[in-house]
Amino acid sequence: MQLTAPATARPGTRTRDADGMAVASFILGLIGLLVFNVFLGPTAIVLAAVSLWRGTRRKGRAYLGMGLGVADLLVLLAFVAMDNTLSWSF
């Protein structure tokens, strides 16, 4: 006797989730250029990589999110090098 319905994924759900991750990585990478780049940069990189691995239809957006995530870390590195501290401020 089965008390619950069988777990079946709806068709297209995996691709839709991957598309959402690609868009989220782009947005987080863009915001990360201004604030919280130490957290948002790596998050954008991971989301972009996962969305590409899952087969997103928005590959350009995922690659932009990955590039912006790397740029976030480069901006952080530049400001840290200028201030000689582990954090930066204006």
N, C-alpha and C. Protein backbone atom coordinates (compact mmCIF):
# COMPACT_ATOMS: atom_id res chain seq x y z
N MET A 1 0.84 -1.17 0.00
CA MET A 1 0.00 0.00 0.00
C MET A 1 0.89 1.24 0.00
N GLN A 2 0.58 2.18 -0.90
CA GLN A 2 1.38 3.39 -1.02
C GLN A 2 0.53 4.57 -0.57
N LEU A 3 1.05 5.31 0.40
CA LEU A 3 0.30 6.42 0.96
C LEU A 3 0.57 7.75 0.27
N THR A 4 1.66 7.85 -0.45
CA THR A 4 1.97 9.10 -1.13
C THR A 4 2.08 8.85 -2.62
N ALA A 5 1.98 9.92 -3.38
CA ALA A 5 2.11 9.82 -4.83
C ALA A 5 3.58 9.61 -5.18
N PRO A 6 3.85 8.91 -6.26
CA PRO A 6 5.25 8.71 -6.65
C PRO A 6 5.89 10.05 -7.02
N ALA A 7 7.14 10.18 -6.68
CA ALA A 7 7.87 11.41 -6.96
C ALA A 7 8.30 11.41 -8.42
N THR A 8 7.67 12.23 -9.21
CA THR A 8 8.06 12.37 -10.61
C THR A 8 8.31 13.84 -10.88
N ALA A 9 9.37 14.11 -11.59
CA ALA A 9 9.70 15.49 -11.93
C ALA A 9 8.90 15.91 -13.16
N ARG A 10 8.46 17.13 -13.16
CA ARG A 10 7.76 17.65 -14.32
C ARG A 10 8.76 17.89 -15.43
N PRO A 11 8.36 17.67 -16.67
CA PRO A 11 9.29 17.91 -17.77
C PRO A 11 9.65 19.39 -17.87
N GLY A 12 10.93 19.68 -18.06
CA GLY A 12 11.37 21.06 -18.20
C GLY A 12 11.72 21.73 -16.90
N THR A 13 11.47 21.09 -15.77
CA THR A 13 11.75 21.72 -14.48
C THR A 13 13.24 21.92 -14.29
N ARG A 14 14.02 20.94 -14.67
CA ARG A 14 15.47 21.02 -14.48
C ARG A 14 16.06 22.15 -15.32
N THR A 15 15.60 22.31 -16.55
CA THR A 15 16.10 23.37 -17.41
C THR A 15 15.66 24.73 -16.90
N ARG A 16 14.42 24.81 -16.41
CA ARG A 16 13.93 26.08 -15.88
C ARG A 16 14.73 26.49 -14.66
N ASP A 17 15.06 25.53 -13.79
CA ASP A 17 15.88 25.83 -12.63
C ASP A 17 17.27 26.29 -13.05
N ALA A 18 17.83 25.65 -14.07
CA ALA A 18 19.15 26.03 -14.56
C ALA A 18 19.12 27.44 -15.16
N ASP A 19 18.03 27.77 -15.86
CA ASP A 19 17.91 29.12 -16.42
C ASP A 19 17.83 30.16 -15.31
N GLY A 20 17.11 29.83 -14.25
CA GLY A 20 17.01 30.74 -13.11
C GLY A 20 18.35 30.93 -12.42
N MET A 21 19.13 29.86 -12.34
CA MET A 21 20.46 29.97 -11.74
C MET A 21 21.38 30.84 -12.60
N ALA A 22 21.25 30.73 -13.91
CA ALA A 22 22.06 31.56 -14.81
C ALA A 22 21.74 33.03 -14.62
N VAL A 23 20.47 33.36 -14.53
CA VAL A 23 20.06 34.75 -14.32
C VAL A 23 20.51 35.23 -12.94
N ALA A 24 20.36 34.38 -11.93
CA ALA A 24 20.78 34.75 -10.58
C ALA A 24 22.28 34.99 -10.52
N SER A 25 23.07 34.18 -11.21
CA SER A 25 24.52 34.38 -11.20
C SER A 25 24.88 35.70 -11.85
N PHE A 26 24.19 36.06 -12.93
CA PHE A 26 24.44 37.35 -13.58
C PHE A 26 24.11 38.51 -12.65
N ILE A 27 22.96 38.45 -12.00
CA ILE A 27 22.54 39.53 -11.11
C ILE A 27 23.46 39.64 -9.91
N LEU A 28 23.80 38.51 -9.29
CA LEU A 28 24.69 38.54 -8.13
C LEU A 28 26.09 39.02 -8.51
N GLY A 29 26.57 38.64 -9.68
CA GLY A 29 27.87 39.12 -10.13
C GLY A 29 27.86 40.61 -10.38
N LEU A 30 26.76 41.12 -10.92
CA LEU A 30 26.64 42.56 -11.18
C LEU A 30 26.57 43.35 -9.88
N ILE A 31 25.77 42.89 -8.94
CA ILE A 31 25.67 43.56 -7.64
C ILE A 31 26.99 43.45 -6.87
N GLY A 32 27.66 42.32 -7.03
CA GLY A 32 28.91 42.09 -6.32
C GLY A 32 30.02 43.05 -6.71
N LEU A 33 29.91 43.69 -7.86
CA LEU A 33 30.91 44.69 -8.23
C LEU A 33 30.86 45.89 -7.29
N LEU A 34 29.73 46.11 -6.66
CA LEU A 34 29.57 47.28 -5.79
C LEU A 34 29.66 46.93 -4.31
N VAL A 35 29.02 45.86 -3.89
CA VAL A 35 28.97 45.51 -2.46
C VAL A 35 29.15 44.02 -2.27
N PHE A 36 29.68 43.63 -1.14
CA PHE A 36 29.81 42.23 -0.70
C PHE A 36 30.45 41.33 -1.76
N ASN A 37 31.47 41.85 -2.45
CA ASN A 37 32.07 41.06 -3.52
C ASN A 37 32.77 39.81 -3.02
N VAL A 38 33.16 39.77 -1.76
CA VAL A 38 33.81 38.57 -1.25
C VAL A 38 32.82 37.41 -1.13
N PHE A 39 31.53 37.71 -0.98
CA PHE A 39 30.50 36.66 -0.89
C PHE A 39 29.78 36.46 -2.22
N LEU A 40 29.44 37.55 -2.87
CA LEU A 40 28.64 37.45 -4.09
C LEU A 40 29.44 36.96 -5.29
N GLY A 41 30.73 37.24 -5.33
CA GLY A 41 31.57 36.77 -6.43
C GLY A 41 31.63 35.25 -6.52
N PRO A 42 32.05 34.59 -5.43
CA PRO A 42 32.08 33.12 -5.49
C PRO A 42 30.70 32.50 -5.68
N THR A 43 29.67 33.13 -5.11
CA THR A 43 28.31 32.61 -5.29
C THR A 43 27.90 32.68 -6.76
N ALA A 44 28.24 33.78 -7.43
CA ALA A 44 27.92 33.92 -8.85
C ALA A 44 28.67 32.87 -9.68
N ILE A 45 29.91 32.61 -9.33
CA ILE A 45 30.70 31.62 -10.06
C ILE A 45 30.10 30.23 -9.90
N VAL A 46 29.73 29.88 -8.68
CA VAL A 46 29.16 28.55 -8.42
C VAL A 46 27.82 28.38 -9.12
N LEU A 47 26.96 29.40 -9.03
CA LEU A 47 25.65 29.31 -9.69
C LEU A 47 25.80 29.18 -11.20
N ALA A 48 26.74 29.93 -11.78
CA ALA A 48 26.95 29.84 -13.22
C ALA A 48 27.45 28.46 -13.61
N ALA A 49 28.37 27.91 -12.84
CA ALA A 49 28.91 26.59 -13.15
C ALA A 49 27.83 25.51 -13.04
N VAL A 50 27.00 25.59 -12.02
CA VAL A 50 25.93 24.60 -11.84
C VAL A 50 24.90 24.73 -12.96
N SER A 51 24.56 25.96 -13.33
CA SER A 51 23.57 26.13 -14.40
C SER A 51 24.10 25.62 -15.74
N LEU A 52 25.40 25.82 -16.00
CA LEU A 52 25.97 25.27 -17.23
C LEU A 52 26.02 23.75 -17.18
N TRP A 53 26.31 23.20 -16.02
CA TRP A 53 26.36 21.75 -15.87
C TRP A 53 24.98 21.13 -16.06
N ARG A 54 23.94 21.84 -15.63
CA ARG A 54 22.57 21.33 -15.77
C ARG A 54 21.99 21.58 -17.16
N GLY A 55 22.69 22.29 -18.00
CA GLY A 55 22.23 22.48 -19.38
C GLY A 55 21.27 23.62 -19.56
N THR A 56 21.65 24.80 -19.10
CA THR A 56 20.79 25.96 -19.25
C THR A 56 20.67 26.37 -20.71
N ARG A 57 19.57 26.98 -21.03
CA ARG A 57 19.39 27.54 -22.37
C ARG A 57 19.96 28.94 -22.44
N ARG A 58 20.31 29.52 -21.32
CA ARG A 58 20.85 30.88 -21.25
C ARG A 58 22.36 30.81 -20.97
N LYS A 59 23.08 30.22 -21.88
CA LYS A 59 24.52 30.04 -21.68
C LYS A 59 25.24 31.37 -21.62
N GLY A 60 24.83 32.32 -22.43
CA GLY A 60 25.47 33.64 -22.41
C GLY A 60 25.33 34.32 -21.07
N ARG A 61 24.16 34.22 -20.49
CA ARG A 61 23.92 34.82 -19.18
C ARG A 61 24.76 34.13 -18.11
N ALA A 62 24.89 32.82 -18.22
CA ALA A 62 25.70 32.07 -17.25
C ALA A 62 27.18 32.45 -17.38
N TYR A 63 27.66 32.56 -18.62
CA TYR A 63 29.06 32.95 -18.81
C TYR A 63 29.30 34.39 -18.33
N LEU A 64 28.35 35.27 -18.55
CA LEU A 64 28.47 36.64 -18.03
C LEU A 64 28.50 36.64 -16.51
N GLY A 65 27.65 35.82 -15.88
CA GLY A 65 27.64 35.72 -14.43
C GLY A 65 28.96 35.20 -13.90
N MET A 66 29.53 34.21 -14.61
CA MET A 66 30.83 33.68 -14.19
C MET A 66 31.92 34.74 -14.35
N GLY A 67 31.89 35.45 -15.45
CA GLY A 67 32.87 36.52 -15.67
C GLY A 67 32.75 37.63 -14.66
N LEU A 68 31.53 38.01 -14.33
CA LEU A 68 31.33 39.05 -13.32
C LEU A 68 31.75 38.57 -11.94
N GLY A 69 31.55 37.29 -11.65
CA GLY A 69 32.01 36.74 -10.37
C GLY A 69 33.52 36.81 -10.25
N VAL A 70 34.21 36.49 -11.34
CA VAL A 70 35.67 36.60 -11.35
C VAL A 70 36.08 38.07 -11.23
N ALA A 71 35.36 38.96 -11.92
CA ALA A 71 35.66 40.39 -11.82
C ALA A 71 35.45 40.89 -10.39
N ASP A 72 34.44 40.38 -9.70
CA ASP A 72 34.22 40.75 -8.30
C ASP A 72 35.45 40.44 -7.46
N LEU A 73 36.00 39.26 -7.65
CA LEU A 73 37.17 38.85 -6.88
C LEU A 73 38.40 39.67 -7.28
N LEU A 74 38.52 40.04 -8.55
CA LEU A 74 39.63 40.88 -8.98
C LEU A 74 39.52 42.29 -8.40
N VAL A 75 38.31 42.83 -8.34
CA VAL A 75 38.10 44.14 -7.73
C VAL A 75 38.47 44.08 -6.25
N LEU A 76 38.04 43.03 -5.57
CA LEU A 76 38.40 42.87 -4.16
C LEU A 76 39.91 42.78 -4.00
N LEU A 77 40.56 42.02 -4.84
CA LEU A 77 42.01 41.87 -4.77
C LEU A 77 42.71 43.21 -5.01
N ALA A 78 42.22 44.00 -5.96
CA ALA A 78 42.82 45.31 -6.25
C ALA A 78 42.68 46.25 -5.06
N PHE A 79 41.48 46.30 -4.46
CA PHE A 79 41.28 47.19 -3.32
C PHE A 79 42.07 46.73 -2.09
N VAL A 80 42.17 45.45 -1.90
CA VAL A 80 42.95 44.93 -0.78
C VAL A 80 44.43 45.26 -0.98
N ALA A 81 44.91 45.15 -2.22
CA ALA A 81 46.31 45.47 -2.50
C ALA A 81 46.60 46.95 -2.30
N MET A 82 45.63 47.83 -2.60
CA MET A 82 45.83 49.26 -2.43
C MET A 82 45.83 49.65 -0.95
N ASP A 83 44.95 49.02 -0.16
CA ASP A 83 44.82 49.38 1.25
C ASP A 83 45.75 48.60 2.17
N ASN A 84 46.32 47.51 1.68
CA ASN A 84 47.15 46.62 2.49
C ASN A 84 46.41 46.09 3.70
N THR A 85 45.13 45.82 3.54
CA THR A 85 44.31 45.22 4.60
C THR A 85 43.50 44.08 4.01
N LEU A 86 42.79 43.36 4.87
CA LEU A 86 41.94 42.28 4.38
C LEU A 86 40.56 42.75 3.98
N SER A 87 40.25 44.01 4.21
CA SER A 87 38.97 44.57 3.79
C SER A 87 39.24 45.92 3.14
N TRP A 88 38.25 46.44 2.48
CA TRP A 88 38.44 47.74 1.84
C TRP A 88 37.26 48.64 2.14
N SER A 89 37.52 49.94 2.14
CA SER A 89 36.48 50.93 2.35
C SER A 89 36.88 52.18 1.56
N PHE A 90 35.90 53.03 1.33
CA PHE A 90 36.17 54.25 0.55
C PHE A 90 36.66 55.35 1.43
